[in-house]
Amino acid sequence: MTTQPTSRPPEAVYIHIPFCTNKCFYCDFNSYVLKDQPVMDYLRALDREMELTVQNTPPGVIKTIFVGGGTPTVLKPDEMAYFLKSIRTHFPNWDDNIEFSMEANPGTTDPDKLAVMKDGGVNRVSFGVQAFQNELLSGIGRIHDVDDVYRSLENARAAGLHNLSIDLMFGLPNQTVAMLAESIRKALELDLPHYSIYSLKVEENTLFHTMFNKNKLPLPNEEDELEMYLLLMSSMKAAGYDQYEISNFAKPGMESRHNITYWHNEDYYGLGAGAHGYVKRQRHVNIKGVNPYIEATRKGLPQLDSFPISQLEAMEDFMMVGLRLREGVSNTAFQAQFGQTLEDVFAKSLHKMVHAGLLEHVGGIYRLSNQGVLFGNDVFGEFVGALTEV
């Protein structure tokens, strides 16, 4: 038995603002240095894409909006106001309890801009802090310093924004376990509802990749990196934060609902240059370049590629993203989407991972064990192509 894609209209929106003050040394996101960029032309193009998108696929009641980048908060207050008005115009029907998140860099959120954000409906801000040592920040190409972090958070709270999150990174060049411990301590002193903590990945087409290939990137060794991850997990738990996903920690009820949309493999609109969307078992990716994106919106939807996701691929995706959540994947949710049980489809892979001690089977749920959290990529990899290669 197979099921058709859900007919429920999308309730989540991702929007990409690709501009940054500068390019960080580790970044491979679709972002461009702000200087001399046609920002208002881009925002008008986004407005056109929103209009065409909702004509094509009308939205439901919008439960989450996430504005990422780049650095969305490099927009000037008048640009920000125009952008937020566009969202309201084309997605007017908001859930009473909407989560509207915007990524920000410390130092790019003055009181005037935060007031515009709050007035436009933003109620959650995620700051890319990364570390609490100025020498580490300059070493990864960040333009803010630690003082900017405190000032930005103070400004956000003064503007009435209290649902705040910060990103930290570990495994950075020249970072020690003691440095990470200090960053975690200072982060926890802020008493925020949410923290995201990521390990550095050296991606192609970045300055760090070039340095790595020349053996000029002084990364921590594997033992230290493992110690860093164990330290942050134990520190966050001791401070009362739930590790609800491999890299994310929250106070109860303060999890990122937008990201959970991804991890539950649910539909979302993807708008802006280089954005990805997933609607009615159809994935799309937009044209990446700023000017090509702007030009494309004058002729129609600015999509670079669009392709259907088969039932088998959708099942694999469900497992790969769902197992990132500490709650795991449930047989009930799987059956609701696909009309088959987890055991019907993935018995071999599930039994192998349980036997290896990387998955736990509790009732109708499979979830990462404590050991599995440390080897998550091995677990997710087990489901890559598990069905489509057969």
Protein backbone atom coordinates (compact mmCIF):
# COMPACT_ATOMS: atom_id res chain seq x y z
CA MET A 1 0.00 0.00 0.00
CA THR A 2 1.22 3.52 -0.80
CA THR A 3 -0.15 6.91 0.12
CA GLN A 4 -0.42 10.11 -1.83
CA PRO A 5 1.46 13.24 -0.71
CA THR A 6 -0.38 15.22 1.92
CA SER A 7 -2.85 17.74 0.49
CA ARG A 8 -2.42 20.09 3.45
CA PRO A 9 -1.00 23.40 2.20
CA PRO A 10 2.47 24.43 3.43
CA GLU A 11 2.62 26.07 6.86
CA ALA A 12 6.34 26.93 6.97
CA VAL A 13 8.35 29.52 5.01
CA TYR A 14 12.11 29.83 4.55
CA ILE A 15 13.42 33.06 2.98
CA HIS A 16 17.06 33.66 2.01
CA ILE A 17 18.82 37.03 2.25
CA PRO A 18 22.22 36.37 0.63
CA PHE A 19 24.12 39.49 1.72
CA CYS A 20 26.94 39.63 4.29
CA THR A 21 29.33 42.30 5.49
CA ASN A 22 32.15 39.87 4.65
CA LYS A 23 32.64 36.18 3.88
CA CYS A 24 33.67 34.06 6.87
CA PHE A 25 36.59 31.72 6.24
CA TYR A 26 34.52 28.55 6.76
CA CYS A 27 31.34 29.61 4.95
CA ASP A 28 30.08 27.84 1.83
CA PHE A 29 26.53 29.22 2.05
CA ASN A 30 25.07 31.14 -0.86
CA SER A 31 26.21 34.57 0.33
CA TYR A 32 27.78 37.65 -1.19
CA VAL A 33 29.60 40.65 0.28
CA LEU A 34 27.08 43.49 0.61
CA LYS A 35 29.13 46.28 -0.97
CA ASP A 36 27.64 47.44 -4.31
CA GLN A 37 24.90 44.79 -4.27
CA PRO A 38 21.45 45.72 -5.68
CA VAL A 39 19.65 45.16 -2.38
CA MET A 40 16.32 46.83 -3.18
CA ASP A 41 16.20 45.15 -6.59
CA TYR A 42 16.70 41.84 -4.79
CA LEU A 43 13.92 42.57 -2.27
CA ARG A 44 11.55 43.51 -5.09
CA ALA A 45 12.48 40.24 -6.83
CA LEU A 46 11.70 38.36 -3.62
CA ASP A 47 8.33 40.09 -3.52
CA ARG A 48 7.65 38.86 -7.07
CA GLU A 49 8.69 35.32 -6.17
CA MET A 50 6.39 35.34 -3.13
CA GLU A 51 3.49 36.54 -5.30
CA LEU A 52 4.05 33.85 -7.95
CA THR A 53 4.62 31.14 -5.34
CA VAL A 54 1.37 31.68 -3.46
CA GLN A 55 -0.54 31.90 -6.76
CA ASN A 56 0.94 28.56 -7.71
CA THR A 57 0.57 26.91 -4.27
CA PRO A 58 -1.69 28.82 -1.88
CA PRO A 59 -0.45 28.74 1.72
CA GLY A 60 -2.18 27.41 4.78
CA VAL A 61 -2.08 29.11 8.15
CA ILE A 62 1.61 29.96 8.52
CA LYS A 63 3.09 28.50 11.70
CA THR A 64 6.80 29.25 11.19
CA ILE A 65 8.88 31.70 9.16
CA PHE A 66 12.67 31.57 9.11
CA VAL A 67 14.84 34.23 7.46
CA GLY A 68 18.40 33.01 6.91
CA GLY A 69 21.42 34.00 4.90
CA GLY A 70 23.91 35.47 4.52
CA THR A 71 23.11 37.93 7.27
CA PRO A 72 19.52 39.20 7.02
CA THR A 73 20.25 41.94 9.56
CA VAL A 74 22.61 43.74 7.16
CA LEU A 75 19.41 45.19 5.65
CA LYS A 76 18.90 48.84 6.57
CA PRO A 77 15.76 49.67 8.58
CA ASP A 78 13.82 50.91 5.51
CA GLU A 79 14.86 47.83 3.51
CA MET A 80 13.89 45.60 6.43
CA ALA A 81 10.49 47.28 6.65
CA TYR A 82 9.84 46.75 2.93
CA PHE A 83 10.89 43.09 3.17
CA LEU A 84 8.73 42.34 6.21
CA LYS A 85 5.74 44.07 4.60
CA SER A 86 6.17 41.79 1.55
CA ILE A 87 5.95 38.73 3.78
CA ARG A 88 2.78 40.02 5.47
CA THR A 89 1.22 40.85 2.09
CA HIS A 90 1.74 37.46 0.48
CA PHE A 91 1.46 35.27 3.60
CA PRO A 92 -1.25 37.14 5.52
CA ASN A 93 -2.73 34.26 7.47
CA TRP A 94 -0.52 33.69 10.52
CA ASP A 95 -1.04 31.28 13.37
CA ASP A 96 -1.67 33.10 16.67
CA ASN A 97 1.42 31.36 18.02
CA ILE A 98 3.66 31.86 14.98
CA GLU A 99 7.42 31.45 15.37
CA PHE A 100 9.10 34.08 13.17
CA SER A 101 12.89 33.69 13.35
CA MET A 102 15.61 35.81 11.83
CA GLU A 103 19.33 35.11 11.78
CA ALA A 104 21.54 37.98 12.91
CA ASN A 105 25.18 38.82 13.35
CA PRO A 106 26.22 40.55 16.56
CA GLY A 107 26.95 44.17 15.72
CA THR A 108 24.31 44.40 12.97
CA THR A 109 21.30 44.88 15.24
CA ASP A 110 20.97 48.47 16.41
CA PRO A 111 17.80 49.52 18.29
CA ASP A 112 16.15 51.11 15.21
CA LYS A 113 16.50 47.95 13.15
CA LEU A 114 15.30 45.70 15.98
CA ALA A 115 12.23 47.92 16.41
CA VAL A 116 11.41 47.48 12.70
CA MET A 117 11.90 43.72 13.02
CA LYS A 118 9.60 43.53 16.05
CA ASP A 119 6.94 45.67 14.35
CA GLY A 120 7.15 43.44 11.27
CA GLY A 121 6.36 40.32 13.27
CA VAL A 122 9.82 38.88 14.04
CA ASN A 123 9.67 37.27 17.49
CA ARG A 124 12.77 35.08 17.56
CA VAL A 125 16.38 36.05 16.76
CA SER A 126 19.31 33.68 16.31
CA PHE A 127 22.73 35.29 16.71
CA GLY A 128 25.84 33.80 15.09
CA VAL A 129 28.20 34.20 18.04
CA GLN A 130 30.49 31.16 17.39
CA ALA A 131 32.99 31.80 20.24
CA PHE A 132 33.70 34.05 23.22
CA GLN A 133 37.38 34.63 22.43
CA ASN A 134 38.21 37.56 20.15
CA GLU A 135 41.29 35.81 18.80
CA LEU A 136 39.20 32.84 17.67
CA LEU A 137 36.60 35.12 16.09
CA SER A 138 39.16 37.00 14.01
CA GLY A 139 40.79 33.67 13.11
CA ILE A 140 37.57 32.44 11.46
CA GLY A 141 36.81 35.72 9.69
CA ARG A 142 34.05 37.05 11.96
CA ILE A 143 33.81 40.84 12.11
CA HIS A 144 32.18 41.09 15.55
CA ASP A 145 33.88 40.88 18.93
CA VAL A 146 32.64 39.62 22.28
CA ASP A 147 31.45 43.09 23.37
CA ASP A 148 29.19 43.17 20.30
CA VAL A 149 27.54 39.95 21.51
CA TYR A 150 26.50 41.44 24.84
CA ARG A 151 25.39 44.72 23.26
CA SER A 152 23.30 42.98 20.60
CA LEU A 153 21.52 40.75 23.11
CA GLU A 154 20.86 43.76 25.35
CA ASN A 155 19.42 45.68 22.37
CA ALA A 156 17.20 42.74 21.42
CA ARG A 157 15.77 42.43 24.92
CA ALA A 158 15.23 46.19 25.12
CA ALA A 159 13.22 45.92 21.87
CA GLY A 160 10.99 43.31 23.50
CA LEU A 161 12.58 40.29 21.81
CA HIS A 162 13.18 37.55 24.37
CA ASN A 163 13.07 34.33 22.34
CA LEU A 164 16.79 34.44 21.55
CA SER A 165 19.28 31.81 20.45
CA ILE A 166 23.00 31.82 19.81
CA ASP A 167 25.20 29.60 17.67
CA LEU A 168 28.52 28.34 19.00
CA MET A 169 31.15 26.34 17.12
CA PHE A 170 33.73 23.81 18.25
CA GLY A 171 36.66 22.20 16.48
CA LEU A 172 37.87 25.64 15.36
CA PRO A 173 41.50 26.33 14.41
CA ASN A 174 43.59 26.91 17.55
CA GLN A 175 40.60 26.22 19.80
CA THR A 176 41.32 24.27 22.98
CA VAL A 177 38.95 22.32 25.23
CA ALA A 178 39.48 25.03 27.88
CA MET A 179 38.45 27.73 25.38
CA LEU A 180 35.24 25.87 24.56
CA ALA A 181 34.54 25.41 28.27
CA GLU A 182 34.86 29.19 28.72
CA SER A 183 32.55 29.85 25.75
CA ILE A 184 29.93 27.44 27.12
CA ARG A 185 30.15 29.04 30.59
CA LYS A 186 29.72 32.55 29.17
CA ALA A 187 26.91 31.40 26.89
CA LEU A 188 25.04 29.78 29.75
CA GLU A 189 25.43 32.91 31.89
CA LEU A 190 23.21 34.64 29.32
CA ASP A 191 20.34 32.31 30.34
CA LEU A 192 18.90 32.07 26.82
CA PRO A 193 16.07 29.71 25.86
CA HIS A 194 18.01 28.05 23.02
CA TYR A 195 21.55 27.23 21.87
CA SER A 196 22.83 25.68 18.64
CA ILE A 197 26.34 24.21 18.80
CA TYR A 198 28.04 22.97 15.64
CA SER A 199 31.36 21.36 14.84
CA LEU A 200 33.44 23.00 12.14
CA LYS A 201 33.26 21.27 8.79
CA VAL A 202 35.90 22.22 6.23
CA GLU A 203 33.83 22.72 3.10
CA GLU A 204 35.06 23.04 -0.47
CA ASN A 205 35.29 26.52 -2.00
CA THR A 206 36.20 28.15 1.32
CA LEU A 207 39.41 29.79 2.51
CA PHE A 208 39.70 27.09 5.19
CA HIS A 209 39.61 24.39 2.53
CA THR A 210 42.52 26.04 0.73
CA MET A 211 44.45 26.32 4.00
CA PHE A 212 43.63 22.72 4.92
CA ASN A 213 44.99 21.46 1.61
CA LYS A 214 48.21 23.40 2.27
CA ASN A 215 48.42 21.90 5.78
CA LYS A 216 48.05 25.39 7.26
CA LEU A 217 44.84 24.90 9.23
CA PRO A 218 45.67 24.12 12.91
CA LEU A 219 42.58 22.08 13.83
CA PRO A 220 42.12 20.28 17.17
CA ASN A 221 42.86 16.57 17.08
CA GLU A 222 40.05 14.00 17.08
CA GLU A 223 40.40 13.24 20.80
CA ASP A 224 40.06 16.91 21.73
CA GLU A 225 37.10 17.36 19.40
CA LEU A 226 35.32 14.39 20.98
CA GLU A 227 36.08 15.79 24.44
CA MET A 228 34.60 19.12 23.32
CA TYR A 229 31.35 17.49 22.21
CA LEU A 230 31.04 15.44 25.41
CA LEU A 231 31.76 18.58 27.46
CA LEU A 232 29.10 20.64 25.76
CA MET A 233 26.50 17.87 26.08
CA SER A 234 27.17 17.41 29.80
CA SER A 235 27.33 21.17 30.45
CA MET A 236 24.04 21.87 28.68
CA LYS A 237 22.30 18.99 30.43
CA ALA A 238 23.56 20.13 33.84
CA ALA A 239 22.20 23.60 33.10
CA GLY A 240 18.72 22.23 32.38
CA TYR A 241 18.77 22.23 28.59
CA ASP A 242 17.31 19.36 26.58
CA GLN A 243 19.38 18.12 23.64
CA TYR A 244 16.37 17.77 21.37
CA GLU A 245 18.50 17.39 18.23
CA ILE A 246 22.14 16.45 17.66
CA SER A 247 23.32 20.09 17.56
CA ASN A 248 20.50 21.91 19.36
CA PHE A 249 19.66 22.49 23.00
CA ALA A 250 16.61 24.19 24.45
CA LYS A 251 14.69 24.85 27.59
CA PRO A 252 11.45 22.82 27.60
CA GLY A 253 9.02 24.19 25.02
CA MET A 254 11.58 26.51 23.40
CA GLU A 255 12.77 24.20 20.60
CA SER A 256 13.08 25.70 17.08
CA ARG A 257 9.73 24.78 15.58
CA HIS A 258 10.83 25.79 12.10
CA ASN A 259 13.80 23.42 12.11
CA ILE A 260 11.59 20.65 13.49
CA THR A 261 9.53 21.09 10.29
CA TYR A 262 12.63 20.02 8.34
CA TRP A 263 13.45 17.17 10.69
CA HIS A 264 9.88 15.86 10.43
CA ASN A 265 10.23 16.00 6.64
CA GLU A 266 7.22 18.30 6.32
CA ASP A 267 6.47 20.76 3.52
CA TYR A 268 7.95 24.28 3.44
CA TYR A 269 8.31 27.09 0.94
CA GLY A 270 11.88 28.04 -0.01
CA LEU A 271 12.22 31.60 -1.32
CA GLY A 272 15.21 33.66 -2.41
CA ALA A 273 18.48 33.11 -4.26
CA GLY A 274 19.73 29.57 -3.84
CA ALA A 275 16.87 28.59 -1.51
CA HIS A 276 15.52 25.04 -1.39
CA GLY A 277 11.84 24.21 -0.96
CA TYR A 278 9.79 21.05 -0.50
CA VAL A 279 6.09 21.08 -1.37
CA LYS A 280 3.82 18.12 -2.20
CA ARG A 281 6.73 15.71 -2.64
CA GLN A 282 8.40 18.12 -5.06
CA ARG A 283 11.80 19.61 -4.22
CA HIS A 284 13.15 22.69 -5.90
CA VAL A 285 16.31 24.78 -5.76
CA ASN A 286 16.44 28.40 -6.87
CA ILE A 287 19.00 30.16 -9.06
CA LYS A 288 21.93 31.14 -6.83
CA GLY A 289 23.42 34.38 -8.18
CA VAL A 290 21.87 37.67 -7.08
CA ASN A 291 21.50 39.29 -10.51
CA PRO A 292 20.49 36.07 -12.32
CA TYR A 293 17.88 35.50 -9.58
CA ILE A 294 16.52 39.04 -10.01
CA GLU A 295 16.30 38.60 -13.78
CA ALA A 296 14.60 35.21 -13.49
CA THR A 297 11.79 36.59 -11.28
CA ARG A 298 10.82 38.95 -14.12
CA LYS A 299 9.90 35.93 -16.24
CA GLY A 300 8.44 33.51 -13.70
CA LEU A 301 9.51 31.39 -10.77
CA PRO A 302 13.33 31.65 -10.39
CA GLN A 303 13.91 27.92 -10.08
CA LEU A 304 17.16 26.32 -11.18
CA ASP A 305 15.77 22.80 -10.81
CA SER A 306 12.62 21.08 -9.64
CA PHE A 307 12.11 17.37 -9.27
CA PRO A 308 9.64 14.93 -7.72
CA ILE A 309 10.67 12.87 -4.70
CA SER A 310 9.68 9.24 -5.04
CA GLN A 311 8.00 7.31 -2.26
CA LEU A 312 11.27 5.46 -1.60
CA GLU A 313 13.36 8.64 -1.46
CA ALA A 314 10.81 10.27 0.83
CA MET A 315 11.05 7.29 3.19
CA GLU A 316 14.86 7.53 3.27
CA ASP A 317 14.67 11.28 3.87
CA PHE A 318 12.20 10.70 6.71
CA MET A 319 14.72 8.45 8.44
CA MET A 320 17.83 10.56 7.81
CA VAL A 321 16.35 13.79 9.11
CA GLY A 322 14.04 12.28 11.73
CA LEU A 323 16.81 10.39 13.48
CA ARG A 324 18.60 13.69 14.13
CA LEU A 325 15.93 14.37 16.74
CA ARG A 326 16.51 12.77 20.12
CA GLU A 327 12.83 11.80 20.20
CA GLY A 328 13.59 9.58 17.20
CA VAL A 329 11.22 8.37 14.51
CA SER A 330 7.85 6.90 15.35
CA ASN A 331 6.07 4.08 13.61
CA THR A 332 2.82 6.05 13.92
CA ALA A 333 4.20 9.07 12.03
CA PHE A 334 5.82 6.86 9.39
CA GLN A 335 2.60 4.95 8.80
CA ALA A 336 0.62 8.19 8.59
CA GLN A 337 2.89 9.42 5.77
CA PHE A 338 3.56 6.20 3.91
CA GLY A 339 0.97 3.60 4.84
CA GLN A 340 3.63 1.05 5.87
CA THR A 341 5.47 0.32 9.10
CA LEU A 342 9.12 1.09 9.78
CA GLU A 343 9.77 -2.64 10.08
CA ASP A 344 8.08 -3.34 6.74
CA VAL A 345 10.53 -1.04 4.99
CA PHE A 346 13.74 -0.75 7.01
CA ALA A 347 13.96 -3.95 9.08
CA LYS A 348 17.51 -4.80 7.96
CA SER A 349 19.03 -1.35 8.61
CA LEU A 350 17.15 -0.84 11.87
CA HIS A 351 18.18 -4.22 13.30
CA LYS A 352 21.79 -3.63 12.25
CA MET A 353 21.93 -0.24 14.04
CA VAL A 354 20.18 -1.59 17.15
CA HIS A 355 22.59 -4.53 17.26
CA ALA A 356 25.53 -2.11 16.94
CA GLY A 357 24.23 -0.19 19.95
CA LEU A 358 23.68 3.00 17.92
CA LEU A 359 19.87 2.91 17.91
CA GLU A 360 17.40 2.12 20.68
CA HIS A 361 13.99 0.58 20.04
CA VAL A 362 11.43 1.74 22.60
CA GLY A 363 7.80 0.92 21.92
CA GLY A 364 7.05 2.10 18.39
CA ILE A 365 10.03 4.47 18.32
CA TYR A 366 13.60 4.16 17.06
CA ARG A 367 16.02 6.77 18.38
CA LEU A 368 19.75 7.38 18.69
CA SER A 369 21.39 5.83 21.73
CA ASN A 370 23.90 7.90 23.70
CA GLN A 371 26.61 6.17 21.66
CA GLY A 372 24.64 6.78 18.47
CA VAL A 373 24.68 10.53 19.09
CA LEU A 374 28.48 10.42 18.82
CA PHE A 375 28.32 8.45 15.58
CA GLY A 376 25.22 10.03 14.07
CA ASN A 377 26.64 10.26 10.56
CA ASP A 378 27.20 6.49 10.52
CA VAL A 379 23.56 5.96 11.48
CA PHE A 380 22.17 8.43 8.92
CA GLY A 381 24.45 6.98 6.25
CA GLU A 382 22.87 3.58 6.79
CA PHE A 383 19.63 4.94 5.29
CA VAL A 384 21.19 6.82 2.34
CA GLY A 385 20.21 4.85 -0.73
CA ALA A 386 18.99 1.96 1.44
CA LEU A 387 15.90 1.63 -0.77
CA THR A 388 16.72 3.48 -3.98
CA GLU A 389 19.73 1.27 -4.64
CA VAL A 390 17.73 -1.93 -4.41
